[in-house]
C-alpha atoms as a PDB file:
ATOM      1  CA  MET A   1       4.723  37.454 -42.952  1.00  0.00           C
ATOM      2  CA  GLU A   2       3.348  35.266 -40.110  1.00  0.00           C
ATOM      3  CA  GLY A   3       4.273  35.821 -36.569  1.00  0.00           C
ATOM      4  CA  ARG A   4       6.960  33.606 -35.011  1.00  0.00           C
ATOM      5  CA  ASP A   5       5.967  30.930 -32.540  1.00  0.00           C
ATOM      6  CA  VAL A   6       6.819  31.181 -28.880  1.00  0.00           C
ATOM      7  CA  LYS A   7       7.971  28.037 -27.078  1.00  0.00           C
ATOM      8  CA  TYR A   8       8.335  27.626 -23.301  1.00  0.00           C
ATOM      9  CA  ALA A   9      11.049  25.503 -21.712  1.00  0.00           C
ATOM     10  CA  SER A  10      11.926  24.888 -18.080  1.00  0.00           C
ATOM     11  CA  VAL A  11      15.426  25.484 -16.829  1.00  0.00           C
ATOM     12  CA  ARG A  12      15.857  21.690 -16.567  1.00  0.00           C
ATOM     13  CA  GLU A  13      14.841  21.375 -20.212  1.00  0.00           C
ATOM     14  CA  LEU A  14      17.257  24.082 -21.192  1.00  0.00           C
ATOM     15  CA  LYS A  15      20.039  22.190 -19.380  1.00  0.00           C
ATOM     16  CA  ASN A  16      19.172  18.901 -21.030  1.00  0.00           C
ATOM     17  CA  ARG A  17      18.341  20.261 -24.547  1.00  0.00           C
ATOM     18  CA  THR A  18      20.417  23.476 -24.909  1.00  0.00           C
ATOM     19  CA  SER A  19      21.492  22.857 -28.567  1.00  0.00           C
ATOM     20  CA  ALA A  20      18.004  21.912 -29.747  1.00  0.00           C
ATOM     21  CA  LEU A  21      16.371  24.922 -28.024  1.00  0.00           C
ATOM     22  CA  VAL A  22      18.936  27.245 -29.569  1.00  0.00           C
ATOM     23  CA  ARG A  23      18.179  25.760 -32.968  1.00  0.00           C
ATOM     24  CA  GLU A  24      14.479  26.320 -32.253  1.00  0.00           C
ATOM     25  CA  THR A  25      15.015  30.062 -32.048  1.00  0.00           C
ATOM     26  CA  ALA A  26      15.111  30.056 -35.852  1.00  0.00           C
ATOM     27  CA  HIS A  27      11.342  29.472 -35.677  1.00  0.00           C
ATOM     28  CA  GLY A  28      10.515  31.628 -32.665  1.00  0.00           C
ATOM     29  CA  ASP A  29      11.499  32.812 -29.248  1.00  0.00           C
ATOM     30  CA  VAL A  30      12.040  30.382 -26.335  1.00  0.00           C
ATOM     31  CA  VAL A  31      10.892  31.636 -22.922  1.00  0.00           C
ATOM     32  CA  VAL A  32      12.818  29.885 -20.188  1.00  0.00           C
ATOM     33  CA  THR A  33      10.844  29.278 -16.973  1.00  0.00           C
ATOM     34  CA  SER A  34      11.698  28.339 -13.428  1.00  0.00           C
ATOM     35  CA  ARG A  35       8.911  27.010 -11.318  1.00  0.00           C
ATOM     36  CA  GLY A  36       6.512  28.200 -13.919  1.00  0.00           C
ATOM     37  CA  LYS A  37       7.659  31.757 -14.000  1.00  0.00           C
ATOM     38  CA  PRO A  38       9.631  33.388 -16.837  1.00  0.00           C
ATOM     39  CA  VAL A  39      13.291  33.928 -16.101  1.00  0.00           C
ATOM     40  CA  ALA A  40      15.081  34.252 -19.457  1.00  0.00           C
ATOM     41  CA  LEU A  41      14.430  34.644 -23.114  1.00  0.00           C
ATOM     42  CA  LEU A  42      16.253  32.897 -26.014  1.00  0.00           C
ATOM     43  CA  GLN A  43      16.054  34.784 -29.319  1.00  0.00           C
ATOM     44  CA  ARG A  44      17.539  34.420 -32.714  1.00  0.00           C
ATOM     45  CA  MET A  45      20.429  36.819 -33.181  1.00  0.00           C
ATOM     46  CA  ASP A  46      22.763  37.575 -36.046  1.00  0.00           C
ATOM     47  CA  GLU A  47      25.815  39.817 -36.187  1.00  0.00           C
ATOM     48  CA  GLU A  48      23.808  42.921 -36.913  1.00  0.00           C
ATOM     49  CA  ASP A  49      21.478  42.230 -33.981  1.00  0.00           C
ATOM     50  CA  LEU A  50      24.462  41.805 -31.685  1.00  0.00           C
ATOM     51  CA  GLU A  51      26.001  45.124 -32.763  1.00  0.00           C
ATOM     52  CA  ASP A  52      22.643  46.888 -32.012  1.00  0.00           C
ATOM     53  CA  TYR A  53      22.381  45.027 -28.656  1.00  0.00           C
ATOM     54  CA  VAL A  54      25.901  46.089 -27.568  1.00  0.00           C
ATOM     55  CA  PHE A  55      25.398  49.644 -28.809  1.00  0.00           C
ATOM     56  CA  TYR A  56      22.091  50.184 -27.146  1.00  0.00           C
ATOM     57  CA  SER A  57      23.083  48.413 -23.925  1.00  0.00           C
ATOM     58  CA  ALA A  58      26.090  50.644 -23.363  1.00  0.00           C
ATOM     59  CA  PRO A  59      25.309  52.824 -20.248  1.00  0.00           C
ATOM     60  CA  ALA A  60      26.468  56.030 -21.909  1.00  0.00           C
ATOM     61  CA  ILE A  61      24.327  55.440 -24.964  1.00  0.00           C
ATOM     62  CA  ARG A  62      21.321  54.529 -22.769  1.00  0.00           C
ATOM     63  CA  ARG A  63      21.743  57.746 -20.809  1.00  0.00           C
ATOM     64  CA  GLU A  64      22.003  59.840 -23.989  1.00  0.00           C
ATOM     65  CA  ILE A  65      18.866  58.172 -25.473  1.00  0.00           C
ATOM     66  CA  GLU A  66      16.992  58.816 -22.237  1.00  0.00           C
ATOM     67  CA  ARG A  67      18.196  62.410 -22.104  1.00  0.00           C
ATOM     68  CA  ARG A  68      17.248  63.024 -25.714  1.00  0.00           C
ATOM     69  CA  TRP A  69      13.804  61.426 -25.168  1.00  0.00           C
ATOM     70  CA  ARG A  70      13.185  63.723 -22.158  1.00  0.00           C
ATOM     71  CA  GLU A  71      14.267  66.712 -24.291  1.00  0.00           C
ATOM     72  CA  TYR A  72      11.906  65.651 -27.062  1.00  0.00           C
ATOM     73  CA  LEU A  73       8.942  65.285 -24.644  1.00  0.00           C
ATOM     74  CA  ARG A  74       9.710  68.767 -23.204  1.00  0.00           C
ATOM     75  CA  THR A  75      10.252  70.562 -26.518  1.00  0.00           C
ATOM     76  CA  GLY A  76       8.597  68.384 -29.159  1.00  0.00           C
ATOM     77  CA  LYS A  77      11.697  68.801 -31.320  1.00  0.00           C
ATOM     78  CA  SER A  78      13.653  65.917 -32.653  1.00  0.00           C
ATOM     79  CA  VAL A  79      17.342  65.731 -33.543  1.00  0.00           C
ATOM     80  CA  PRO A  80      18.396  64.357 -36.887  1.00  0.00           C
ATOM     81  CA  LEU A  81      20.486  61.147 -36.744  1.00  0.00           C
ATOM     82  CA  SER A  82      23.242  62.776 -38.693  1.00  0.00           C
ATOM     83  CA  GLU A  83      23.595  65.405 -35.917  1.00  0.00           C
ATOM     84  CA  LEU A  84      23.823  62.797 -33.264  1.00  0.00           C
ATOM     85  CA  ARG A  85      26.448  60.895 -35.203  1.00  0.00           C
ATOM     86  CA  ALA A  86      28.502  64.029 -35.754  1.00  0.00           C
ATOM     87  CA  ALA A  87      28.335  64.885 -32.068  1.00  0.00           C
ATOM     88  CA  ARG A  88      29.450  61.391 -31.110  1.00  0.00           C
ATOM     89  CA  ARG A  89      32.456  61.662 -33.554  1.00  0.00           C
ATOM     90  CA  ARG A  90      33.434  65.015 -32.032  1.00  0.00           C
ATOM     91  CA  ARG A  91      33.358  63.535 -28.505  1.00  0.00           C
ATOM     92  CA  ARG A  92      35.600  60.570 -29.560  1.00  0.00           C
ATOM     93  CA  GLY A  93      38.202  62.988 -30.864  1.00  0.00           C
END
């Protein structure tokens, strides 16, 4: 599979061509710039991507991932995903 193209658009272009730039994310990412510097990124997203984004952006989840990563670096042992899910279910009640 070929890599996706990256397009650059200024904030002004984003303001004037929002719908077109959103459609262009089907072909590649759109980096939004202000005064020539990157300030935002438009990426294609479907429902599964949104679920992943919300899950991994949750502060508690981020802290747990970081804690587990530090533990892995210290001990070299990983934790099976099934164990993490079971622990999460227990915490929720």
